N, C-alpha and C. Protein backbone atom coordinates (compact mmCIF):
# COMPACT_ATOMS: atom_id res chain seq x y z
N MET A 1 138.65 87.74 94.05
CA MET A 1 137.84 88.96 94.13
C MET A 1 136.35 88.62 93.94
N PHE A 2 135.50 89.23 94.72
CA PHE A 2 134.06 89.04 94.60
C PHE A 2 133.52 90.07 93.62
N ASP A 3 133.61 89.77 92.33
CA ASP A 3 133.11 90.65 91.28
C ASP A 3 132.35 89.82 90.26
N GLY A 4 131.13 90.25 89.93
CA GLY A 4 130.38 89.54 88.90
C GLY A 4 128.88 89.67 89.09
N LEU A 5 128.15 88.82 88.38
CA LEU A 5 126.70 88.79 88.46
C LEU A 5 126.27 87.51 89.16
N LEU A 6 125.19 87.62 89.89
CA LEU A 6 124.65 86.48 90.63
C LEU A 6 123.19 86.31 90.25
N LEU A 7 122.81 85.12 89.81
CA LEU A 7 121.43 84.84 89.39
C LEU A 7 120.67 84.18 90.53
N ILE A 8 119.68 84.88 91.05
CA ILE A 8 118.94 84.42 92.22
C ILE A 8 117.47 84.18 91.87
N ASP A 9 116.90 83.12 92.46
CA ASP A 9 115.47 82.85 92.35
C ASP A 9 114.78 83.56 93.50
N LYS A 10 114.14 84.70 93.22
CA LYS A 10 113.51 85.48 94.29
C LYS A 10 112.25 84.77 94.79
N PRO A 11 112.17 84.56 96.09
CA PRO A 11 110.96 83.93 96.64
C PRO A 11 109.80 84.92 96.69
N SER A 12 108.59 84.40 96.69
CA SER A 12 107.41 85.23 96.87
C SER A 12 107.40 85.80 98.28
N GLY A 13 106.98 87.05 98.40
CA GLY A 13 106.94 87.69 99.70
C GLY A 13 108.18 88.48 100.04
N TRP A 14 109.26 88.26 99.32
CA TRP A 14 110.49 89.02 99.50
C TRP A 14 110.49 90.20 98.54
N THR A 15 110.97 91.35 99.00
CA THR A 15 111.24 92.44 98.06
C THR A 15 112.61 92.18 97.44
N SER A 16 112.88 92.85 96.33
CA SER A 16 114.19 92.71 95.71
C SER A 16 115.28 93.22 96.64
N PHE A 17 114.94 94.24 97.44
CA PHE A 17 115.91 94.79 98.39
C PHE A 17 116.17 93.81 99.53
N ASP A 18 115.16 93.00 99.89
CA ASP A 18 115.38 91.94 100.88
C ASP A 18 116.44 90.97 100.39
N VAL A 19 116.35 90.61 99.11
CA VAL A 19 117.31 89.67 98.52
C VAL A 19 118.71 90.28 98.52
N VAL A 20 118.81 91.55 98.12
CA VAL A 20 120.10 92.23 98.10
C VAL A 20 120.70 92.25 99.50
N ALA A 21 119.89 92.57 100.50
CA ALA A 21 120.39 92.64 101.88
C ALA A 21 120.87 91.27 102.35
N LYS A 22 120.12 90.22 102.00
CA LYS A 22 120.49 88.87 102.40
C LYS A 22 121.81 88.47 101.78
N VAL A 23 121.95 88.71 100.48
CA VAL A 23 123.19 88.35 99.78
C VAL A 23 124.35 89.19 100.29
N ARG A 24 124.10 90.45 100.55
CA ARG A 24 125.17 91.32 101.09
C ARG A 24 125.69 90.76 102.41
N GLY A 25 124.77 90.26 103.24
CA GLY A 25 125.18 89.67 104.50
C GLY A 25 126.03 88.43 104.31
N ILE A 26 125.67 87.60 103.33
CA ILE A 26 126.43 86.39 103.04
C ILE A 26 127.83 86.75 102.53
N VAL A 27 127.90 87.72 101.61
CA VAL A 27 129.19 88.16 101.09
C VAL A 27 130.05 88.75 102.20
N LYS A 28 129.42 89.50 103.08
CA LYS A 28 130.16 90.09 104.20
C LYS A 28 130.76 89.00 105.08
N ARG A 29 129.99 87.96 105.33
CA ARG A 29 130.48 86.86 106.16
C ARG A 29 131.61 86.10 105.47
N GLU A 30 131.50 85.92 104.14
CA GLU A 30 132.47 85.11 103.44
C GLU A 30 133.75 85.87 103.10
N THR A 31 133.67 87.20 103.05
CA THR A 31 134.84 88.00 102.67
C THR A 31 135.47 88.75 103.83
N GLY A 32 134.66 89.03 104.85
CA GLY A 32 135.17 89.84 105.94
C GLY A 32 135.10 91.33 105.66
N LEU A 33 134.57 91.70 104.48
CA LEU A 33 134.43 93.11 104.13
C LEU A 33 133.35 93.74 104.99
N LYS A 34 133.58 94.98 105.43
CA LYS A 34 132.60 95.67 106.27
C LYS A 34 131.38 96.10 105.47
N LYS A 35 131.60 96.60 104.26
CA LYS A 35 130.50 97.08 103.43
C LYS A 35 130.63 96.55 102.00
N PRO A 36 130.39 95.26 101.80
CA PRO A 36 130.48 94.70 100.45
C PRO A 36 129.44 95.32 99.53
N LYS A 37 129.79 95.48 98.28
CA LYS A 37 128.88 96.08 97.31
C LYS A 37 128.02 95.02 96.64
N VAL A 38 126.72 95.13 96.83
CA VAL A 38 125.75 94.24 96.19
C VAL A 38 124.56 95.07 95.75
N GLY A 39 124.12 94.91 94.52
CA GLY A 39 122.97 95.65 94.01
C GLY A 39 122.14 94.77 93.09
N HIS A 40 121.18 95.37 92.42
CA HIS A 40 120.34 94.62 91.48
C HIS A 40 120.26 95.35 90.15
N THR A 41 119.77 94.66 89.15
CA THR A 41 119.66 95.25 87.80
C THR A 41 118.22 95.47 87.40
N GLY A 42 117.31 95.37 88.35
CA GLY A 42 115.89 95.55 88.05
C GLY A 42 115.06 94.74 89.03
N THR A 43 114.08 95.38 89.63
CA THR A 43 113.32 94.74 90.71
C THR A 43 112.20 93.83 90.20
N LEU A 44 111.72 93.02 91.12
CA LEU A 44 110.49 92.25 90.95
C LEU A 44 109.55 92.65 92.08
N ASP A 45 108.25 92.67 91.81
CA ASP A 45 107.28 92.96 92.86
C ASP A 45 107.38 91.90 93.96
N PRO A 46 107.01 92.25 95.19
CA PRO A 46 107.13 91.30 96.30
C PRO A 46 106.49 89.93 96.06
N LEU A 47 105.29 89.91 95.45
CA LEU A 47 104.61 88.63 95.24
C LEU A 47 105.17 87.83 94.07
N ALA A 48 105.96 88.49 93.21
CA ALA A 48 106.53 87.82 92.04
C ALA A 48 107.71 86.94 92.46
N THR A 49 108.00 85.96 91.64
CA THR A 49 109.13 85.06 91.88
C THR A 49 110.00 85.01 90.62
N GLY A 50 111.14 84.36 90.76
CA GLY A 50 111.95 84.11 89.58
C GLY A 50 113.23 84.90 89.52
N LEU A 51 113.72 85.02 88.31
CA LEU A 51 115.08 85.49 88.06
C LEU A 51 115.31 86.93 88.48
N LEU A 52 116.30 87.10 89.34
CA LEU A 52 116.75 88.41 89.79
C LEU A 52 118.26 88.42 89.57
N VAL A 53 118.73 89.37 88.76
CA VAL A 53 120.17 89.47 88.48
C VAL A 53 120.78 90.49 89.42
N LEU A 54 121.68 90.02 90.29
CA LEU A 54 122.36 90.89 91.23
C LEU A 54 123.76 91.23 90.75
N THR A 55 124.22 92.41 91.11
CA THR A 55 125.59 92.82 90.82
C THR A 55 126.40 92.76 92.11
N VAL A 56 127.61 92.28 91.99
CA VAL A 56 128.48 92.15 93.16
C VAL A 56 129.82 92.81 92.86
N GLY A 57 130.33 93.56 93.82
CA GLY A 57 131.63 94.22 93.68
C GLY A 57 131.62 95.29 92.61
N SER A 58 132.63 95.27 91.74
CA SER A 58 132.78 96.30 90.71
C SER A 58 131.64 96.28 89.70
N TYR A 59 130.90 95.17 89.63
CA TYR A 59 129.79 95.06 88.67
C TYR A 59 128.62 95.97 89.05
N CYS A 60 128.62 96.49 90.27
CA CYS A 60 127.56 97.42 90.67
C CYS A 60 127.60 98.68 89.79
N LYS A 61 128.78 99.04 89.31
CA LYS A 61 128.92 100.20 88.44
C LYS A 61 128.35 99.92 87.04
N ARG A 62 128.14 98.64 86.73
CA ARG A 62 127.66 98.25 85.40
C ARG A 62 126.18 97.84 85.42
N ALA A 63 125.48 98.14 86.51
CA ALA A 63 124.09 97.68 86.66
C ALA A 63 123.21 98.11 85.50
N GLN A 64 123.38 99.35 85.05
CA GLN A 64 122.52 99.87 83.98
C GLN A 64 122.72 99.09 82.68
N GLU A 65 123.89 98.53 82.50
CA GLU A 65 124.20 97.75 81.30
C GLU A 65 123.28 96.53 81.17
N PHE A 66 122.82 96.03 82.30
CA PHE A 66 122.00 94.82 82.31
C PHE A 66 120.55 95.09 82.67
N SER A 67 120.16 96.35 82.79
CA SER A 67 118.82 96.69 83.27
C SER A 67 117.80 96.94 82.16
N LYS A 68 118.25 97.09 80.92
CA LYS A 68 117.34 97.42 79.82
C LYS A 68 117.15 96.25 78.86
N LEU A 69 117.22 95.05 79.38
CA LEU A 69 117.12 93.85 78.54
C LEU A 69 115.68 93.35 78.47
N ASP A 70 115.36 92.65 77.38
CA ASP A 70 114.04 92.03 77.24
C ASP A 70 113.87 90.95 78.29
N LYS A 71 112.61 90.65 78.61
CA LYS A 71 112.33 89.68 79.68
C LYS A 71 111.20 88.73 79.27
N VAL A 72 111.21 87.55 79.87
CA VAL A 72 110.16 86.56 79.66
C VAL A 72 109.53 86.21 81.00
N TYR A 73 108.20 86.21 81.03
CA TYR A 73 107.47 85.93 82.26
C TYR A 73 106.43 84.84 82.05
N ASP A 74 106.18 84.06 83.10
CA ASP A 74 105.00 83.21 83.19
C ASP A 74 103.97 83.98 84.01
N VAL A 75 102.76 84.10 83.49
CA VAL A 75 101.74 84.96 84.09
C VAL A 75 100.48 84.17 84.41
N THR A 76 99.89 84.44 85.56
CA THR A 76 98.57 83.90 85.90
C THR A 76 97.67 85.07 86.25
N MET A 77 96.49 85.11 85.68
CA MET A 77 95.54 86.20 85.93
C MET A 77 94.16 85.63 86.20
N LYS A 78 93.33 86.43 86.85
CA LYS A 78 91.98 85.99 87.20
C LYS A 78 90.97 86.99 86.70
N LEU A 79 89.95 86.49 86.02
CA LEU A 79 88.91 87.33 85.46
C LEU A 79 87.80 87.60 86.48
N GLY A 80 87.08 88.70 86.24
CA GLY A 80 85.89 88.99 87.04
C GLY A 80 86.13 89.84 88.25
N LEU A 81 87.39 90.09 88.56
CA LEU A 81 87.75 90.89 89.73
C LEU A 81 88.85 91.88 89.35
N THR A 82 88.95 92.96 90.10
CA THR A 82 90.03 93.92 89.88
C THR A 82 90.72 94.21 91.21
N SER A 83 91.91 94.77 91.11
CA SER A 83 92.69 95.08 92.30
C SER A 83 93.23 96.50 92.21
N THR A 84 93.31 97.16 93.35
CA THR A 84 93.84 98.53 93.36
C THR A 84 95.29 98.59 92.95
N THR A 85 96.01 97.49 93.11
CA THR A 85 97.43 97.46 92.73
C THR A 85 97.67 96.66 91.45
N GLY A 86 96.63 96.02 90.94
CA GLY A 86 96.79 95.20 89.74
C GLY A 86 97.21 93.78 90.05
N ASP A 87 97.50 93.50 91.34
CA ASP A 87 97.86 92.14 91.73
C ASP A 87 97.19 91.78 93.05
N ALA A 88 97.58 90.65 93.63
CA ALA A 88 96.90 90.15 94.82
C ALA A 88 97.19 90.95 96.08
N GLU A 89 98.11 91.91 96.01
CA GLU A 89 98.43 92.72 97.18
C GLU A 89 97.39 93.81 97.45
N GLY A 90 96.62 94.15 96.44
CA GLY A 90 95.69 95.26 96.58
C GLY A 90 94.34 94.86 97.13
N VAL A 91 93.43 95.85 97.14
CA VAL A 91 92.04 95.61 97.56
C VAL A 91 91.30 95.03 96.35
N ILE A 92 90.72 93.85 96.54
CA ILE A 92 90.06 93.13 95.45
C ILE A 92 88.56 93.44 95.45
N THR A 93 88.04 93.80 94.29
CA THR A 93 86.61 94.06 94.16
C THR A 93 86.06 93.39 92.91
N ARG A 94 84.77 93.10 92.95
CA ARG A 94 84.14 92.50 91.77
C ARG A 94 84.02 93.54 90.66
N PHE A 95 84.30 93.13 89.44
CA PHE A 95 84.30 94.04 88.31
C PHE A 95 82.89 94.39 87.89
N ASN A 96 82.68 95.67 87.56
CA ASN A 96 81.38 96.14 87.08
C ASN A 96 81.51 96.41 85.58
N PRO A 97 81.02 95.54 84.74
CA PRO A 97 81.19 95.72 83.29
C PRO A 97 80.66 97.05 82.80
N VAL A 98 81.42 97.69 81.92
CA VAL A 98 81.00 99.00 81.41
C VAL A 98 79.76 98.87 80.53
N THR A 99 79.49 97.66 80.04
CA THR A 99 78.32 97.46 79.20
C THR A 99 77.04 97.41 80.02
N GLY A 100 77.21 97.20 81.34
CA GLY A 100 76.03 97.09 82.19
C GLY A 100 75.42 95.70 82.16
N LEU A 101 76.05 94.78 81.40
CA LEU A 101 75.55 93.41 81.32
C LEU A 101 76.07 92.60 82.50
N ASN A 102 75.41 91.51 82.80
CA ASN A 102 75.91 90.62 83.82
C ASN A 102 77.21 89.97 83.37
N LEU A 103 78.09 89.72 84.30
CA LEU A 103 79.38 89.11 83.97
C LEU A 103 79.16 87.71 83.40
N VAL A 104 79.74 87.46 82.25
CA VAL A 104 79.63 86.14 81.64
C VAL A 104 81.04 85.62 81.34
N LYS A 105 81.14 84.33 81.21
CA LYS A 105 82.43 83.74 80.88
C LYS A 105 82.85 84.11 79.47
N THR A 106 84.13 84.39 79.31
CA THR A 106 84.68 84.65 77.99
C THR A 106 85.06 83.32 77.36
N ASP A 107 84.71 83.11 76.10
CA ASP A 107 85.10 81.85 75.47
C ASP A 107 86.54 81.94 74.96
N LYS A 108 87.13 80.80 74.72
CA LYS A 108 88.56 80.72 74.37
C LYS A 108 88.88 81.46 73.08
N SER A 109 88.00 81.36 72.09
CA SER A 109 88.28 82.01 70.81
C SER A 109 88.31 83.53 70.95
N ARG A 110 87.41 84.08 71.73
CA ARG A 110 87.42 85.54 71.95
C ARG A 110 88.65 85.94 72.74
N LEU A 111 88.99 85.15 73.74
CA LEU A 111 90.19 85.44 74.52
C LEU A 111 91.42 85.47 73.62
N GLU A 112 91.56 84.50 72.74
CA GLU A 112 92.73 84.45 71.85
C GLU A 112 92.77 85.66 70.94
N ALA A 113 91.61 86.09 70.46
CA ALA A 113 91.56 87.25 69.57
C ALA A 113 91.94 88.52 70.32
N VAL A 114 91.46 88.67 71.53
CA VAL A 114 91.77 89.86 72.32
C VAL A 114 93.25 89.90 72.68
N VAL A 115 93.78 88.77 73.13
CA VAL A 115 95.19 88.71 73.51
C VAL A 115 96.09 89.06 72.32
N GLU A 116 95.73 88.61 71.14
CA GLU A 116 96.53 88.87 69.95
C GLU A 116 96.64 90.37 69.67
N GLU A 117 95.64 91.13 70.06
CA GLU A 117 95.65 92.57 69.83
C GLU A 117 96.74 93.29 70.63
N PHE A 118 97.24 92.63 71.66
CA PHE A 118 98.26 93.25 72.51
C PHE A 118 99.68 92.89 72.11
N VAL A 119 99.82 92.05 71.11
CA VAL A 119 101.16 91.68 70.65
C VAL A 119 101.66 92.73 69.66
N GLY A 120 102.87 93.23 69.91
CA GLY A 120 103.45 94.28 69.07
C GLY A 120 103.76 95.51 69.91
N GLU A 121 103.95 96.63 69.25
CA GLU A 121 104.19 97.88 69.97
C GLU A 121 102.86 98.45 70.45
N ILE A 122 102.76 98.70 71.74
CA ILE A 122 101.53 99.19 72.32
C ILE A 122 101.81 100.39 73.23
N MET A 123 100.78 101.16 73.50
CA MET A 123 100.88 102.22 74.50
C MET A 123 100.32 101.68 75.80
N GLN A 124 101.09 101.82 76.86
CA GLN A 124 100.71 101.24 78.14
C GLN A 124 100.84 102.27 79.25
N THR A 125 99.82 102.36 80.09
CA THR A 125 99.88 103.25 81.25
C THR A 125 100.39 102.46 82.45
N PRO A 126 101.51 102.85 83.04
CA PRO A 126 102.04 102.14 84.20
C PRO A 126 101.06 102.19 85.36
N PRO A 127 101.10 101.21 86.25
CA PRO A 127 100.20 101.21 87.41
C PRO A 127 100.57 102.31 88.40
N ALA A 128 99.55 102.82 89.10
CA ALA A 128 99.82 103.85 90.10
C ALA A 128 100.75 103.33 91.18
N TYR A 129 100.61 102.05 91.51
CA TYR A 129 101.51 101.44 92.50
C TYR A 129 102.76 100.93 91.78
N SER A 130 103.61 101.85 91.38
CA SER A 130 104.86 101.52 90.71
C SER A 130 105.96 102.41 91.27
N ALA A 131 107.20 102.12 90.89
CA ALA A 131 108.34 102.88 91.42
C ALA A 131 108.67 104.12 90.58
N ILE A 132 107.82 104.40 89.60
CA ILE A 132 108.05 105.59 88.77
C ILE A 132 107.95 106.84 89.64
N LYS A 133 108.84 107.78 89.40
CA LYS A 133 108.85 109.01 90.19
C LYS A 133 107.88 110.05 89.62
N VAL A 134 107.10 110.65 90.50
CA VAL A 134 106.18 111.73 90.16
C VAL A 134 106.54 112.92 91.04
N ASN A 135 107.03 113.97 90.41
CA ASN A 135 107.48 115.15 91.17
C ASN A 135 108.47 114.78 92.27
N GLY A 136 109.38 113.88 91.92
CA GLY A 136 110.44 113.50 92.85
C GLY A 136 110.08 112.43 93.86
N GLN A 137 108.83 111.94 93.84
CA GLN A 137 108.41 110.91 94.78
C GLN A 137 107.94 109.67 94.03
N ARG A 138 108.16 108.51 94.64
CA ARG A 138 107.71 107.26 94.03
C ARG A 138 106.19 107.24 93.96
N ALA A 139 105.68 106.78 92.81
CA ALA A 139 104.23 106.77 92.60
C ALA A 139 103.53 105.93 93.66
N TYR A 140 104.10 104.80 94.03
CA TYR A 140 103.42 103.93 94.98
C TYR A 140 103.29 104.56 96.36
N LYS A 141 104.24 105.42 96.72
CA LYS A 141 104.15 106.11 98.00
C LYS A 141 103.00 107.11 97.99
N LEU A 142 102.83 107.80 96.87
CA LEU A 142 101.73 108.74 96.75
C LEU A 142 100.39 108.01 96.76
N ALA A 143 100.34 106.88 96.05
CA ALA A 143 99.10 106.10 95.99
C ALA A 143 98.72 105.57 97.37
N ARG A 144 99.71 105.11 98.11
CA ARG A 144 99.44 104.57 99.46
C ARG A 144 98.97 105.67 100.40
N ALA A 145 99.39 106.90 100.11
CA ALA A 145 98.97 108.03 100.94
C ALA A 145 97.60 108.56 100.55
N GLY A 146 96.98 107.92 99.57
CA GLY A 146 95.65 108.30 99.15
C GLY A 146 95.61 109.42 98.13
N GLN A 147 96.78 109.78 97.60
CA GLN A 147 96.83 110.85 96.60
C GLN A 147 96.58 110.28 95.20
N GLU A 148 95.97 111.09 94.36
CA GLU A 148 95.72 110.68 92.99
C GLU A 148 97.03 110.67 92.21
N VAL A 149 97.27 109.58 91.52
CA VAL A 149 98.50 109.44 90.73
C VAL A 149 98.13 109.35 89.26
N VAL A 150 98.61 110.28 88.46
CA VAL A 150 98.34 110.29 87.03
C VAL A 150 99.66 110.05 86.29
N LEU A 151 99.75 108.92 85.61
CA LEU A 151 100.95 108.56 84.85
C LEU A 151 100.62 108.55 83.36
N GLU A 152 101.53 109.06 82.56
CA GLU A 152 101.30 109.13 81.12
C GLU A 152 101.58 107.79 80.46
N PRO A 153 100.79 107.45 79.44
CA PRO A 153 101.06 106.21 78.69
C PRO A 153 102.44 106.27 78.04
N ARG A 154 103.06 105.12 77.90
CA ARG A 154 104.36 105.05 77.26
C ARG A 154 104.40 103.84 76.33
N GLN A 155 105.25 103.93 75.32
CA GLN A 155 105.31 102.84 74.35
C GLN A 155 106.14 101.68 74.90
N THR A 156 105.64 100.50 74.70
CA THR A 156 106.36 99.29 75.08
C THR A 156 106.10 98.23 74.03
N THR A 157 106.85 97.14 74.07
CA THR A 157 106.70 96.10 73.06
C THR A 157 106.39 94.76 73.72
N ILE A 158 105.31 94.15 73.27
CA ILE A 158 104.97 92.78 73.67
C ILE A 158 105.36 91.90 72.49
N TYR A 159 106.46 91.20 72.60
CA TYR A 159 106.96 90.41 71.47
C TYR A 159 106.10 89.18 71.21
N SER A 160 105.60 88.58 72.27
CA SER A 160 104.79 87.37 72.09
C SER A 160 103.98 87.08 73.34
N ILE A 161 102.84 86.41 73.15
CA ILE A 161 102.05 85.86 74.24
C ILE A 161 101.72 84.43 73.81
N ASP A 162 102.35 83.47 74.50
CA ASP A 162 102.25 82.07 74.09
C ASP A 162 101.74 81.20 75.24
N ASN A 163 101.57 79.91 74.93
CA ASN A 163 101.18 78.90 75.93
C ASN A 163 99.91 79.32 76.69
N LEU A 164 98.95 79.85 75.95
CA LEU A 164 97.72 80.36 76.56
C LEU A 164 96.86 79.20 77.06
N GLU A 165 96.57 79.22 78.36
CA GLU A 165 95.69 78.23 78.99
C GLU A 165 94.54 78.95 79.66
N TYR A 166 93.34 78.42 79.48
CA TYR A 166 92.17 79.11 80.01
C TYR A 166 91.21 78.14 80.64
N THR A 167 91.03 78.29 81.94
CA THR A 167 89.98 77.57 82.68
C THR A 167 89.32 78.62 83.55
N TYR A 168 88.16 79.09 83.12
CA TYR A 168 87.50 80.21 83.79
C TYR A 168 87.44 79.97 85.30
N PRO A 169 87.82 81.00 86.09
CA PRO A 169 88.17 82.37 85.69
C PRO A 169 89.67 82.62 85.54
N GLU A 170 90.47 81.55 85.45
CA GLU A 170 91.93 81.70 85.44
C GLU A 170 92.51 81.59 84.04
N ILE A 171 93.48 82.47 83.76
CA ILE A 171 94.20 82.45 82.49
C ILE A 171 95.68 82.38 82.80
N ARG A 172 96.39 81.54 82.06
CA ARG A 172 97.85 81.45 82.18
C ARG A 172 98.48 81.66 80.81
N PHE A 173 99.61 82.32 80.78
CA PHE A 173 100.34 82.48 79.52
C PHE A 173 101.79 82.84 79.79
N THR A 174 102.61 82.74 78.76
CA THR A 174 104.01 83.15 78.81
C THR A 174 104.18 84.31 77.86
N THR A 175 104.86 85.36 78.30
CA THR A 175 105.02 86.52 77.43
C THR A 175 106.46 87.02 77.44
N LYS A 176 106.92 87.44 76.28
CA LYS A 176 108.23 88.09 76.14
C LYS A 176 107.97 89.57 75.89
N VAL A 177 108.61 90.42 76.70
CA VAL A 177 108.31 91.85 76.65
C VAL A 177 109.60 92.66 76.68
N SER A 178 109.49 93.91 76.25
CA SER A 178 110.64 94.80 76.31
C SER A 178 110.81 95.33 77.73
N SER A 179 111.98 95.84 78.02
CA SER A 179 112.24 96.46 79.31
C SER A 179 111.26 97.61 79.55
N GLY A 180 110.81 97.75 80.79
CA GLY A 180 109.88 98.82 81.11
C GLY A 180 108.42 98.44 80.99
N THR A 181 108.15 97.21 80.54
CA THR A 181 106.77 96.75 80.45
C THR A 181 106.26 96.35 81.83
N TYR A 182 105.04 96.76 82.15
CA TYR A 182 104.40 96.35 83.40
C TYR A 182 103.39 95.26 83.09
N VAL A 183 103.67 94.05 83.53
CA VAL A 183 102.79 92.93 83.25
C VAL A 183 101.46 93.11 83.97
N ARG A 184 101.48 93.75 85.14
CA ARG A 184 100.21 94.04 85.84
C ARG A 184 99.29 94.88 84.96
N SER A 185 99.88 95.87 84.28
CA SER A 185 99.07 96.71 83.39
C SER A 185 98.58 95.93 82.19
N LEU A 186 99.42 95.04 81.66
CA LEU A 186 99.01 94.21 80.54
C LEU A 186 97.80 93.35 80.93
N VAL A 187 97.87 92.75 82.11
CA VAL A 187 96.77 91.92 82.60
C VAL A 187 95.49 92.75 82.76
N GLU A 188 95.62 93.93 83.35
CA GLU A 188 94.44 94.79 83.54
C GLU A 188 93.85 95.21 82.20
N ASP A 189 94.72 95.52 81.23
CA ASP A 189 94.24 95.95 79.92
C ASP A 189 93.52 94.82 79.19
N ILE A 190 94.03 93.60 79.33
CA ILE A 190 93.36 92.44 78.73
C ILE A 190 91.98 92.27 79.37
N GLY A 191 91.89 92.42 80.68
CA GLY A 191 90.62 92.31 81.39
C GLY A 191 89.62 93.36 80.93
N LYS A 192 90.12 94.58 80.71
CA LYS A 192 89.22 95.65 80.24
C LYS A 192 88.73 95.35 78.83
N ALA A 193 89.64 94.85 77.98
CA ALA A 193 89.26 94.55 76.59
C ALA A 193 88.22 93.42 76.53
N LEU A 194 88.29 92.52 77.50
CA LEU A 194 87.32 91.42 77.57
C LEU A 194 86.03 91.85 78.24
N ASP A 195 86.05 93.04 78.85
CA ASP A 195 84.92 93.57 79.60
C ASP A 195 84.54 92.65 80.76
N THR A 196 85.57 92.06 81.37
CA THR A 196 85.37 91.21 82.55
C THR A 196 86.19 91.69 83.74
N GLY A 197 87.18 92.56 83.47
CA GLY A 197 88.11 92.93 84.52
C GLY A 197 89.07 91.79 84.80
N ALA A 198 90.21 92.09 85.39
CA ALA A 198 91.18 91.05 85.72
C ALA A 198 92.27 91.63 86.61
N TYR A 199 92.89 90.75 87.36
CA TYR A 199 94.10 91.16 88.08
C TYR A 199 95.08 89.99 88.07
N MET A 200 96.35 90.30 88.28
CA MET A 200 97.41 89.30 88.21
C MET A 200 97.52 88.56 89.55
N THR A 201 97.46 87.24 89.50
CA THR A 201 97.56 86.45 90.73
C THR A 201 98.93 85.84 90.92
N ALA A 202 99.71 85.70 89.85
CA ALA A 202 101.06 85.14 89.99
C ALA A 202 101.92 85.61 88.82
N LEU A 203 103.21 85.80 89.11
CA LEU A 203 104.16 86.22 88.09
C LEU A 203 105.51 85.59 88.39
N ARG A 204 106.09 84.97 87.38
CA ARG A 204 107.42 84.38 87.53
C ARG A 204 108.29 84.80 86.36
N ARG A 205 109.44 85.41 86.66
CA ARG A 205 110.35 85.85 85.60
C ARG A 205 111.29 84.70 85.25
N ARG A 206 111.34 84.38 83.96
CA ARG A 206 112.13 83.25 83.50
C ARG A 206 113.45 83.66 82.86
N THR A 207 113.45 84.79 82.14
CA THR A 207 114.68 85.22 81.50
C THR A 207 114.83 86.73 81.56
N ILE A 208 116.08 87.17 81.54
CA ILE A 208 116.45 88.57 81.40
C ILE A 208 117.56 88.60 80.36
N GLY A 209 117.26 89.06 79.17
CA GLY A 209 118.25 89.01 78.10
C GLY A 209 118.66 87.57 77.85
N GLU A 210 119.96 87.30 77.94
CA GLU A 210 120.48 85.95 77.72
C GLU A 210 120.54 85.14 79.02
N PHE A 211 120.21 85.75 80.14
CA PHE A 211 120.24 85.05 81.41
C PHE A 211 118.92 84.29 81.60
N THR A 212 119.01 83.02 82.01
CA THR A 212 117.80 82.20 82.13
C THR A 212 117.66 81.63 83.54
N ASP A 213 116.46 81.16 83.83
CA ASP A 213 116.20 80.59 85.14
C ASP A 213 116.84 79.23 85.36
N GLU A 214 117.46 78.68 84.32
CA GLU A 214 118.11 77.37 84.46
C GLU A 214 119.32 77.44 85.38
N ASN A 215 119.92 78.65 85.51
CA ASN A 215 121.14 78.79 86.31
C ASN A 215 120.91 79.56 87.61
N MET A 216 119.64 79.70 88.02
CA MET A 216 119.35 80.46 89.23
C MET A 216 119.76 79.67 90.48
N LEU A 217 120.05 80.43 91.53
CA LEU A 217 120.38 79.85 92.83
C LEU A 217 119.27 80.16 93.82
N GLN A 218 118.98 79.22 94.71
CA GLN A 218 118.04 79.44 95.78
C GLN A 218 118.76 80.16 96.92
N ILE A 219 118.12 81.17 97.50
CA ILE A 219 118.74 81.91 98.59
C ILE A 219 119.08 80.98 99.75
N SER A 220 118.19 80.05 100.04
CA SER A 220 118.40 79.15 101.18
C SER A 220 119.62 78.26 101.01
N GLU A 221 120.06 78.08 99.78
CA GLU A 221 121.19 77.20 99.50
C GLU A 221 122.47 77.96 99.16
N LEU A 222 122.40 79.30 99.22
CA LEU A 222 123.51 80.12 98.76
C LEU A 222 124.68 80.10 99.74
N GLN A 223 125.82 79.67 99.23
CA GLN A 223 127.07 79.73 99.96
C GLN A 223 128.20 79.68 98.94
N ASP A 224 129.42 80.02 99.38
CA ASP A 224 130.55 80.10 98.44
C ASP A 224 130.17 80.96 97.24
N VAL A 225 129.75 82.19 97.52
CA VAL A 225 129.25 83.09 96.49
C VAL A 225 130.22 83.25 95.33
N ASP A 226 131.51 83.33 95.62
CA ASP A 226 132.50 83.57 94.56
C ASP A 226 132.49 82.48 93.50
N LYS A 227 132.06 81.26 93.85
CA LYS A 227 132.03 80.16 92.89
C LYS A 227 130.86 80.28 91.92
N HIS A 228 129.89 81.11 92.24
CA HIS A 228 128.69 81.24 91.41
C HIS A 228 128.64 82.54 90.62
N LEU A 229 129.62 83.41 90.81
CA LEU A 229 129.62 84.70 90.12
C LEU A 229 129.91 84.52 88.64
N ILE A 230 129.17 85.27 87.83
CA ILE A 230 129.33 85.23 86.37
C ILE A 230 130.05 86.50 85.92
N GLN A 231 131.11 86.34 85.15
CA GLN A 231 131.83 87.49 84.60
C GLN A 231 131.44 87.70 83.15
N ILE A 232 131.13 88.94 82.80
CA ILE A 232 130.76 89.31 81.45
C ILE A 232 131.75 90.39 80.98
N PRO A 233 132.39 90.19 79.82
CA PRO A 233 133.33 91.20 79.34
C PRO A 233 132.66 92.55 79.21
N ASP A 234 133.37 93.59 79.62
CA ASP A 234 132.87 94.96 79.51
C ASP A 234 133.07 95.43 78.07
N VAL A 235 131.96 95.72 77.38
CA VAL A 235 132.05 96.12 75.97
C VAL A 235 132.78 97.45 75.82
N LYS A 236 132.86 98.23 76.88
CA LYS A 236 133.52 99.53 76.81
C LYS A 236 135.03 99.43 76.94
N SER A 237 135.49 98.27 77.46
CA SER A 237 136.91 98.13 77.70
C SER A 237 137.63 97.62 76.46
């Protein structure tokens, strides 16, 4: 039986739904089923890479069980510029400091102090280009249509920000966050706090709960899907 979880390394440029469709096609070919069930437990933005947990067969009914887990990301951000989407997909413009001063490089000690302020429980406003529903429609669809999108701040937890590397204008770090955290918003908020502006240039998801990138499969190498499926006991059974 084709039932279980599949850990996939999502390539940059693919949507999570592209990955689901690709895997569904492979399962269809290997099983002969007309409409095999394949889903996901939480999306990644198109430009992001890394761990994507897919559900196959009966596990599609358990997707929510695996969707609210903590996550770890490797993040790259760039200072001095902002993006309409918070990442490299948007319109990039030079940041205009609210102080009215000329843009200057942030030193490492100030960066470390500012970053530390974001560790813990914080209030975060999700990006307008997100899948959150506003009056029944996805926020990103409204934003793309030129409509103003107003999203309310929500509480999230940044457990840690480690491995901080800084070579102006680029910053790299690893962060562990609670489910529902938008790393694009975290990057933008850090840029605002530094008064330099910032947008996310790269994002790679390394872990989802206990699932890690050590066991991910490349889509290009995926075959014999049933041999790679992970079974997790149902706590309700």
